[in-house]
Amino acid sequence: MTSAIHEKYVELISGEINIRTGFRITPGELLAGGPIELEFLLENLAEKPFDLDLAGDRMRQRPGQLIFDARFEGELIDDPMKGTTWLGGPSTVVKVQYGKPWRQPILLNQFVRLEQIPKKISSNLAKGQMSLVCERLIPLSPEHQKPITIQLSFTLYRNDQALDLLTTNLYNEIINGPVTGREHALSLLLSLRSMASQQIKLLANHPEITISNRAKNSLAIFD
């Protein structure tokens, strides 16, 4: 079995630019079919501020500029928004200062149908290996962007009881928890799609229109 690689970084040097950048898996339980959170990091090692462009993907409702190739036990796992037309999205530029690393949280479930994984594992409490290639363009100049490619690997465990408990807890946090913590729980739950079908169907009838609409959008891309 391939050894686990939960984080990896590369250094890029070009003229006055000297940066360290890469991806890491946010520590936590890696359940088959559950949420997997990543972090993109860019650290400026030079004194001059580094301009990093950011963009959203309006149609796919997720961050732009990111590409993931996910394979479970060698089998490619689909993008839930495969075939969706690119229509742009909001964009901005952040200045990354020396000594102040910039981090972007990423929910892998928005890019990969991780809900397909449990049925590919033979039995409850068994496990399998995920290989994940992460790619992002890095602007080295206004005219030149260099792609960085980082390969991670990690084990996913099938635990149906733990996943059921997780979806129940996320739903309860959305319904009964403080509003300030609701957004993160809502994003995680909706990204689970068919793994949280019961809870998402209930949220589709939520009295708050933004929640119900997001739940209905999630239902529309169930596997």
C-alpha atoms as a PDB file:
ATOM      1  CA  MET A   1       0.000   0.000   0.000  1.00  0.00           C
ATOM      2  CA  THR A   2       1.251   3.511  -0.804  1.00  0.00           C
ATOM      3  CA  SER A   3       2.568   5.408   2.197  1.00  0.00           C
ATOM      4  CA  ALA A   4       0.439   8.300   3.431  1.00  0.00           C
ATOM      5  CA  ILE A   5       1.356  11.815   2.299  1.00  0.00           C
ATOM      6  CA  HIS A   6      -0.933  14.324   4.010  1.00  0.00           C
ATOM      7  CA  GLU A   7       0.957  17.468   3.028  1.00  0.00           C
ATOM      8  CA  LYS A   8       3.528  18.557   0.482  1.00  0.00           C
ATOM      9  CA  TYR A   9       5.033  21.880  -0.583  1.00  0.00           C
ATOM     10  CA  VAL A  10       7.303  23.186  -3.329  1.00  0.00           C
ATOM     11  CA  GLU A  11       9.446  26.320  -3.557  1.00  0.00           C
ATOM     12  CA  LEU A  12       9.262  28.598  -6.598  1.00  0.00           C
ATOM     13  CA  ILE A  13      11.933  31.182  -7.374  1.00  0.00           C
ATOM     14  CA  SER A  14      11.686  33.641 -10.260  1.00  0.00           C
ATOM     15  CA  GLY A  15      13.438  37.015 -10.193  1.00  0.00           C
ATOM     16  CA  GLU A  16      12.336  38.777  -7.008  1.00  0.00           C
ATOM     17  CA  ILE A  17       9.757  36.065  -6.307  1.00  0.00           C
ATOM     18  CA  ASN A  18      10.495  33.379  -3.749  1.00  0.00           C
ATOM     19  CA  ILE A  19       7.488  31.479  -2.461  1.00  0.00           C
ATOM     20  CA  ARG A  20       6.680  28.169  -0.809  1.00  0.00           C
ATOM     21  CA  THR A  21       3.322  26.701  -1.722  1.00  0.00           C
ATOM     22  CA  GLY A  22       1.369  23.465  -1.623  1.00  0.00           C
ATOM     23  CA  PHE A  23      -1.518  21.558  -0.107  1.00  0.00           C
ATOM     24  CA  ARG A  24      -2.254  19.671   3.087  1.00  0.00           C
ATOM     25  CA  ILE A  25      -5.117  17.590   4.420  1.00  0.00           C
ATOM     26  CA  THR A  26      -6.682  19.192   7.471  1.00  0.00           C
ATOM     27  CA  PRO A  27      -6.240  16.825  10.431  1.00  0.00           C
ATOM     28  CA  GLY A  28      -9.372  14.867  11.303  1.00  0.00           C
ATOM     29  CA  GLU A  29     -11.153  11.568  10.822  1.00  0.00           C
ATOM     30  CA  LEU A  30     -10.999  10.426   7.196  1.00  0.00           C
ATOM     31  CA  LEU A  31     -14.268   8.555   6.744  1.00  0.00           C
ATOM     32  CA  ALA A  32     -15.221   7.007   3.412  1.00  0.00           C
ATOM     33  CA  GLY A  33     -18.080   9.175   2.132  1.00  0.00           C
ATOM     34  CA  GLY A  34     -17.455  11.845   4.754  1.00  0.00           C
ATOM     35  CA  PRO A  35     -16.100  15.390   4.408  1.00  0.00           C
ATOM     36  CA  ILE A  36     -12.440  15.861   3.550  1.00  0.00           C
ATOM     37  CA  GLU A  37     -11.062  19.335   4.156  1.00  0.00           C
ATOM     38  CA  LEU A  38      -7.849  20.586   2.589  1.00  0.00           C
ATOM     39  CA  GLU A  39      -5.782  23.731   2.839  1.00  0.00           C
ATOM     40  CA  PHE A  40      -3.890  25.515   0.074  1.00  0.00           C
ATOM     41  CA  LEU A  41      -0.933  27.434   1.490  1.00  0.00           C
ATOM     42  CA  LEU A  42       1.255  30.122  -0.004  1.00  0.00           C
ATOM     43  CA  GLU A  43       4.157  31.513   2.014  1.00  0.00           C
ATOM     44  CA  ASN A  44       6.086  34.520   0.720  1.00  0.00           C
ATOM     45  CA  LEU A  45       9.818  34.103   1.438  1.00  0.00           C
ATOM     46  CA  ALA A  46      10.790  37.445  -0.147  1.00  0.00           C
ATOM     47  CA  GLU A  47      10.405  40.957   1.231  1.00  0.00           C
ATOM     48  CA  LYS A  48       8.348  42.230  -1.717  1.00  0.00           C
ATOM     49  CA  PRO A  49       4.591  41.421  -1.363  1.00  0.00           C
ATOM     50  CA  PHE A  50       3.404  38.644  -3.656  1.00  0.00           C
ATOM     51  CA  ASP A  51       0.191  39.205  -5.624  1.00  0.00           C
ATOM     52  CA  LEU A  52      -1.970  36.071  -5.592  1.00  0.00           C
ATOM     53  CA  ASP A  53      -5.081  36.085  -7.758  1.00  0.00           C
ATOM     54  CA  LEU A  54      -8.246  34.446  -6.435  1.00  0.00           C
ATOM     55  CA  ALA A  55     -11.412  33.544  -8.270  1.00  0.00           C
ATOM     56  CA  GLY A  56     -14.696  31.838  -7.624  1.00  0.00           C
ATOM     57  CA  ASP A  57     -16.544  29.445  -9.917  1.00  0.00           C
ATOM     58  CA  ARG A  58     -20.074  30.858 -10.156  1.00  0.00           C
ATOM     59  CA  MET A  59     -21.793  27.909 -11.840  1.00  0.00           C
ATOM     60  CA  ARG A  60     -20.158  25.225  -9.722  1.00  0.00           C
ATOM     61  CA  GLN A  61     -20.521  27.207  -6.484  1.00  0.00           C
ATOM     62  CA  ARG A  62     -16.952  26.537  -5.376  1.00  0.00           C
ATOM     63  CA  PRO A  63     -13.491  28.138  -5.513  1.00  0.00           C
ATOM     64  CA  GLY A  64     -11.958  28.470  -8.957  1.00  0.00           C
ATOM     65  CA  GLN A  65      -8.397  27.863 -10.207  1.00  0.00           C
ATOM     66  CA  LEU A  66      -8.200  24.443  -8.541  1.00  0.00           C
ATOM     67  CA  ILE A  67      -8.060  21.065 -10.266  1.00  0.00           C
ATOM     68  CA  PHE A  68      -8.171  17.709  -8.476  1.00  0.00           C
ATOM     69  CA  ASP A  69      -7.625  14.226  -9.841  1.00  0.00           C
ATOM     70  CA  ALA A  70      -8.856  11.728  -7.244  1.00  0.00           C
ATOM     71  CA  ARG A  71      -8.413   7.981  -7.566  1.00  0.00           C
ATOM     72  CA  PHE A  72      -9.562   5.387  -5.056  1.00  0.00           C
ATOM     73  CA  GLU A  73      -7.607   2.137  -5.335  1.00  0.00           C
ATOM     74  CA  GLY A  74      -6.612   3.331  -8.819  1.00  0.00           C
ATOM     75  CA  GLU A  75     -10.172   4.105 -10.012  1.00  0.00           C
ATOM     76  CA  LEU A  76     -10.976   7.686 -11.037  1.00  0.00           C
ATOM     77  CA  ILE A  77     -13.662   9.358  -8.924  1.00  0.00           C
ATOM     78  CA  ASP A  78     -15.974  11.786 -10.762  1.00  0.00           C
ATOM     79  CA  ASP A  79     -16.375  15.524 -10.395  1.00  0.00           C
ATOM     80  CA  PRO A  80     -19.981  16.194  -9.223  1.00  0.00           C
ATOM     81  CA  MET A  81     -20.144  19.169 -11.593  1.00  0.00           C
ATOM     82  CA  LYS A  82     -18.645  17.366 -14.576  1.00  0.00           C
ATOM     83  CA  GLY A  83     -19.878  18.894 -17.827  1.00  0.00           C
ATOM     84  CA  THR A  84     -20.926  22.197 -16.245  1.00  0.00           C
ATOM     85  CA  THR A  85     -20.056  25.192 -18.424  1.00  0.00           C
ATOM     86  CA  TRP A  86     -17.488  27.636 -17.062  1.00  0.00           C
ATOM     87  CA  LEU A  87     -19.070  31.093 -16.806  1.00  0.00           C
ATOM     88  CA  GLY A  88     -16.510  32.839 -14.619  1.00  0.00           C
ATOM     89  CA  GLY A  89     -17.026  34.196 -11.161  1.00  0.00           C
ATOM     90  CA  PRO A  90     -15.906  36.840  -8.672  1.00  0.00           C
ATOM     91  CA  SER A  91     -12.175  37.550  -8.609  1.00  0.00           C
ATOM     92  CA  THR A  92      -9.729  39.537  -6.535  1.00  0.00           C
ATOM     93  CA  VAL A  93      -6.024  39.796  -5.686  1.00  0.00           C
ATOM     94  CA  VAL A  94      -4.506  39.361  -2.236  1.00  0.00           C
ATOM     95  CA  LYS A  95      -1.066  40.645  -1.307  1.00  0.00           C
ATOM     96  CA  VAL A  96       0.804  37.965   0.596  1.00  0.00           C
ATOM     97  CA  GLN A  97       3.303  39.613   2.916  1.00  0.00           C
ATOM     98  CA  TYR A  98       6.586  38.163   4.138  1.00  0.00           C
ATOM     99  CA  GLY A  99       6.084  36.277   7.383  1.00  0.00           C
ATOM    100  CA  LYS A 100       2.296  36.039   6.950  1.00  0.00           C
ATOM    101  CA  PRO A 101       1.407  32.788   5.120  1.00  0.00           C
ATOM    102  CA  TRP A 102      -1.894  32.834   3.252  1.00  0.00           C
ATOM    103  CA  ARG A 103      -4.219  29.843   3.627  1.00  0.00           C
ATOM    104  CA  GLN A 104      -7.302  28.879   1.636  1.00  0.00           C
ATOM    105  CA  PRO A 105      -9.649  26.238   3.090  1.00  0.00           C
ATOM    106  CA  ILE A 106     -10.988  23.762   0.526  1.00  0.00           C
ATOM    107  CA  LEU A 107     -13.749  21.180   0.833  1.00  0.00           C
ATOM    108  CA  LEU A 108     -12.730  18.331  -1.452  1.00  0.00           C
ATOM    109  CA  ASN A 109     -16.311  17.000  -1.648  1.00  0.00           C
ATOM    110  CA  GLN A 110     -17.192  20.055  -3.746  1.00  0.00           C
ATOM    111  CA  PHE A 111     -14.770  18.807  -6.418  1.00  0.00           C
ATOM    112  CA  VAL A 112     -14.975  15.008  -6.082  1.00  0.00           C
ATOM    113  CA  ARG A 113     -17.887  12.592  -5.617  1.00  0.00           C
ATOM    114  CA  LEU A 114     -16.550  11.148  -2.393  1.00  0.00           C
ATOM    115  CA  GLU A 115     -20.010   9.678  -1.764  1.00  0.00           C
ATOM    116  CA  GLN A 116     -19.051   7.000  -4.328  1.00  0.00           C
ATOM    117  CA  ILE A 117     -16.313   5.621  -2.083  1.00  0.00           C
ATOM    118  CA  PRO A 118     -18.214   3.548   0.548  1.00  0.00           C
ATOM    119  CA  LYS A 119     -19.723   1.199  -2.046  1.00  0.00           C
ATOM    120  CA  LYS A 120     -16.209   0.559  -3.399  1.00  0.00           C
ATOM    121  CA  ILE A 121     -15.072  -0.789  -0.011  1.00  0.00           C
ATOM    122  CA  SER A 122     -15.963  -4.429   0.497  1.00  0.00           C
ATOM    123  CA  SER A 123     -17.371  -4.238   4.022  1.00  0.00           C
ATOM    124  CA  ASN A 124     -17.965  -1.985   6.993  1.00  0.00           C
ATOM    125  CA  LEU A 125     -14.801  -1.149   8.978  1.00  0.00           C
ATOM    126  CA  ALA A 126     -12.609  -1.971   5.950  1.00  0.00           C
ATOM    127  CA  LYS A 127     -10.378   0.604   4.276  1.00  0.00           C
ATOM    128  CA  GLY A 128      -8.823   1.664   0.967  1.00  0.00           C
ATOM    129  CA  GLN A 129      -6.245   4.065  -0.439  1.00  0.00           C
ATOM    130  CA  MET A 130      -6.974   7.425  -2.031  1.00  0.00           C
ATOM    131  CA  SER A 131      -4.498   9.162  -4.341  1.00  0.00           C
ATOM    132  CA  LEU A 132      -5.119  12.871  -4.879  1.00  0.00           C
ATOM    133  CA  VAL A 133      -3.354  15.127  -7.374  1.00  0.00           C
ATOM    134  CA  CYS A 134      -3.887  18.817  -6.572  1.00  0.00           C
ATOM    135  CA  GLU A 135      -3.130  21.512  -9.151  1.00  0.00           C
ATOM    136  CA  ARG A 136      -3.212  25.292  -9.079  1.00  0.00           C
ATOM    137  CA  LEU A 137      -1.811  28.031 -11.310  1.00  0.00           C
ATOM    138  CA  ILE A 138       0.618  30.408  -9.583  1.00  0.00           C
ATOM    139  CA  PRO A 139       1.108  33.874 -11.145  1.00  0.00           C
ATOM    140  CA  LEU A 140       4.861  34.493 -11.475  1.00  0.00           C
ATOM    141  CA  SER A 141       4.209  37.581 -13.624  1.00  0.00           C
ATOM    142  CA  PRO A 142       1.234  39.262 -15.341  1.00  0.00           C
ATOM    143  CA  GLU A 143       2.106  37.254 -18.468  1.00  0.00           C
ATOM    144  CA  HIS A 144       3.162  33.933 -16.957  1.00  0.00           C
ATOM    145  CA  GLN A 145       1.395  31.497 -14.657  1.00  0.00           C
ATOM    146  CA  LYS A 146       3.114  28.320 -13.540  1.00  0.00           C
ATOM    147  CA  PRO A 147       1.068  25.272 -12.528  1.00  0.00           C
ATOM    148  CA  ILE A 148       2.077  23.503  -9.342  1.00  0.00           C
ATOM    149  CA  THR A 149       1.131  19.860  -8.998  1.00  0.00           C
ATOM    150  CA  ILE A 150       1.088  18.191  -5.591  1.00  0.00           C
ATOM    151  CA  GLN A 151       0.298  14.510  -5.041  1.00  0.00           C
ATOM    152  CA  LEU A 152      -1.148  13.418  -1.705  1.00  0.00           C
ATOM    153  CA  SER A 153      -2.257   9.996  -0.553  1.00  0.00           C
ATOM    154  CA  PHE A 154      -4.264   8.839   2.426  1.00  0.00           C
ATOM    155  CA  THR A 155      -6.382   5.991   3.749  1.00  0.00           C
ATOM    156  CA  LEU A 156     -10.176   6.174   3.867  1.00  0.00           C
ATOM    157  CA  TYR A 157     -12.015   4.048   6.411  1.00  0.00           C
ATOM    158  CA  ARG A 158     -15.559   2.811   5.968  1.00  0.00           C
ATOM    159  CA  ASN A 159     -17.473   3.192   9.218  1.00  0.00           C
ATOM    160  CA  ASP A 160     -21.204   3.414   8.546  1.00  0.00           C
ATOM    161  CA  GLN A 161     -22.116   4.091  12.169  1.00  0.00           C
ATOM    162  CA  ALA A 162     -19.598   6.920  12.496  1.00  0.00           C
ATOM    163  CA  LEU A 163     -20.826   8.486   9.255  1.00  0.00           C
ATOM    164  CA  ASP A 164     -24.474   8.274  10.392  1.00  0.00           C
ATOM    165  CA  LEU A 165     -23.530   9.957  13.664  1.00  0.00           C
ATOM    166  CA  LEU A 166     -21.618  12.676  11.823  1.00  0.00           C
ATOM    167  CA  THR A 167     -24.544  13.547   9.526  1.00  0.00           C
ATOM    168  CA  THR A 168     -26.920  13.627  12.508  1.00  0.00           C
ATOM    169  CA  ASN A 169     -24.607  15.924  14.467  1.00  0.00           C
ATOM    170  CA  LEU A 170     -24.138  18.284  11.518  1.00  0.00           C
ATOM    171  CA  TYR A 171     -27.902  18.501  11.000  1.00  0.00           C
ATOM    172  CA  ASN A 172     -28.477  19.208  14.680  1.00  0.00           C
ATOM    173  CA  GLU A 173     -25.832  21.908  14.609  1.00  0.00           C
ATOM    174  CA  ILE A 174     -27.585  23.580  11.673  1.00  0.00           C
ATOM    175  CA  ILE A 175     -31.018  23.418  13.291  1.00  0.00           C
ATOM    176  CA  ASN A 176     -30.207  23.951  16.957  1.00  0.00           C
ATOM    177  CA  GLY A 177     -26.716  25.415  17.080  1.00  0.00           C
ATOM    178  CA  PRO A 178     -25.651  29.083  17.087  1.00  0.00           C
ATOM    179  CA  VAL A 179     -26.042  30.917  13.795  1.00  0.00           C
ATOM    180  CA  THR A 180     -22.344  31.849  13.857  1.00  0.00           C
ATOM    181  CA  GLY A 181     -21.306  28.195  13.486  1.00  0.00           C
ATOM    182  CA  ARG A 182     -24.035  27.156  11.088  1.00  0.00           C
ATOM    183  CA  GLU A 183     -22.364  27.944   7.762  1.00  0.00           C
ATOM    184  CA  HIS A 184     -19.502  25.499   8.184  1.00  0.00           C
ATOM    185  CA  ALA A 185     -21.834  22.681   9.282  1.00  0.00           C
ATOM    186  CA  LEU A 186     -24.210  23.439   6.388  1.00  0.00           C
ATOM    187  CA  SER A 187     -21.397  23.369   3.807  1.00  0.00           C
ATOM    188  CA  LEU A 188     -20.118  20.051   5.130  1.00  0.00           C
ATOM    189  CA  LEU A 189     -23.545  18.407   5.247  1.00  0.00           C
ATOM    190  CA  LEU A 190     -24.631  19.519   1.776  1.00  0.00           C
ATOM    191  CA  SER A 191     -21.328  18.348   0.280  1.00  0.00           C
ATOM    192  CA  LEU A 192     -22.033  14.801   1.475  1.00  0.00           C
ATOM    193  CA  ARG A 193     -25.009  14.571  -0.923  1.00  0.00           C
ATOM    194  CA  SER A 194     -26.414  11.006  -0.910  1.00  0.00           C
ATOM    195  CA  MET A 195     -24.489  10.154   2.273  1.00  0.00           C
ATOM    196  CA  ALA A 196     -26.757  12.660   4.079  1.00  0.00           C
ATOM    197  CA  SER A 197     -29.877  12.286   1.927  1.00  0.00           C
ATOM    198  CA  GLN A 198     -32.335  12.182   4.831  1.00  0.00           C
ATOM    199  CA  GLN A 199     -31.041  15.369   6.438  1.00  0.00           C
ATOM    200  CA  ILE A 200     -30.686  17.248   3.139  1.00  0.00           C
ATOM    201  CA  LYS A 201     -34.280  16.423   2.153  1.00  0.00           C
ATOM    202  CA  LEU A 202     -35.423  17.883   5.475  1.00  0.00           C
ATOM    203  CA  LEU A 203     -33.362  21.032   4.860  1.00  0.00           C
ATOM    204  CA  ALA A 204     -35.035  21.437   1.454  1.00  0.00           C
ATOM    205  CA  ASN A 205     -38.159  22.407   3.438  1.00  0.00           C
ATOM    206  CA  HIS A 206     -36.329  24.723   5.826  1.00  0.00           C
ATOM    207  CA  PRO A 207     -38.184  28.025   6.400  1.00  0.00           C
ATOM    208  CA  GLU A 208     -35.066  30.038   5.584  1.00  0.00           C
ATOM    209  CA  ILE A 209     -35.047  30.324   1.807  1.00  0.00           C
ATOM    210  CA  THR A 210     -31.252  30.410   1.399  1.00  0.00           C
ATOM    211  CA  ILE A 211     -30.897  27.109   3.269  1.00  0.00           C
ATOM    212  CA  SER A 212     -33.762  25.421   1.419  1.00  0.00           C
ATOM    213  CA  ASN A 213     -32.435  26.552  -1.973  1.00  0.00           C
ATOM    214  CA  ARG A 214     -28.943  25.271  -1.217  1.00  0.00           C
ATOM    215  CA  ALA A 215     -30.375  21.948  -0.086  1.00  0.00           C
ATOM    216  CA  LYS A 216     -32.401  21.649  -3.288  1.00  0.00           C
ATOM    217  CA  ASN A 217     -29.275  22.410  -5.349  1.00  0.00           C
ATOM    218  CA  SER A 218     -27.489  19.612  -3.509  1.00  0.00           C
ATOM    219  CA  LEU A 219     -30.341  17.199  -4.201  1.00  0.00           C
ATOM    220  CA  ALA A 220     -30.135  18.049  -7.899  1.00  0.00           C
ATOM    221  CA  ILE A 221     -26.598  16.646  -8.179  1.00  0.00           C
ATOM    222  CA  PHE A 222     -27.080  13.469  -6.149  1.00  0.00           C
ATOM    223  CA  ASP A 223     -25.173  10.525  -7.611  1.00  0.00           C
END
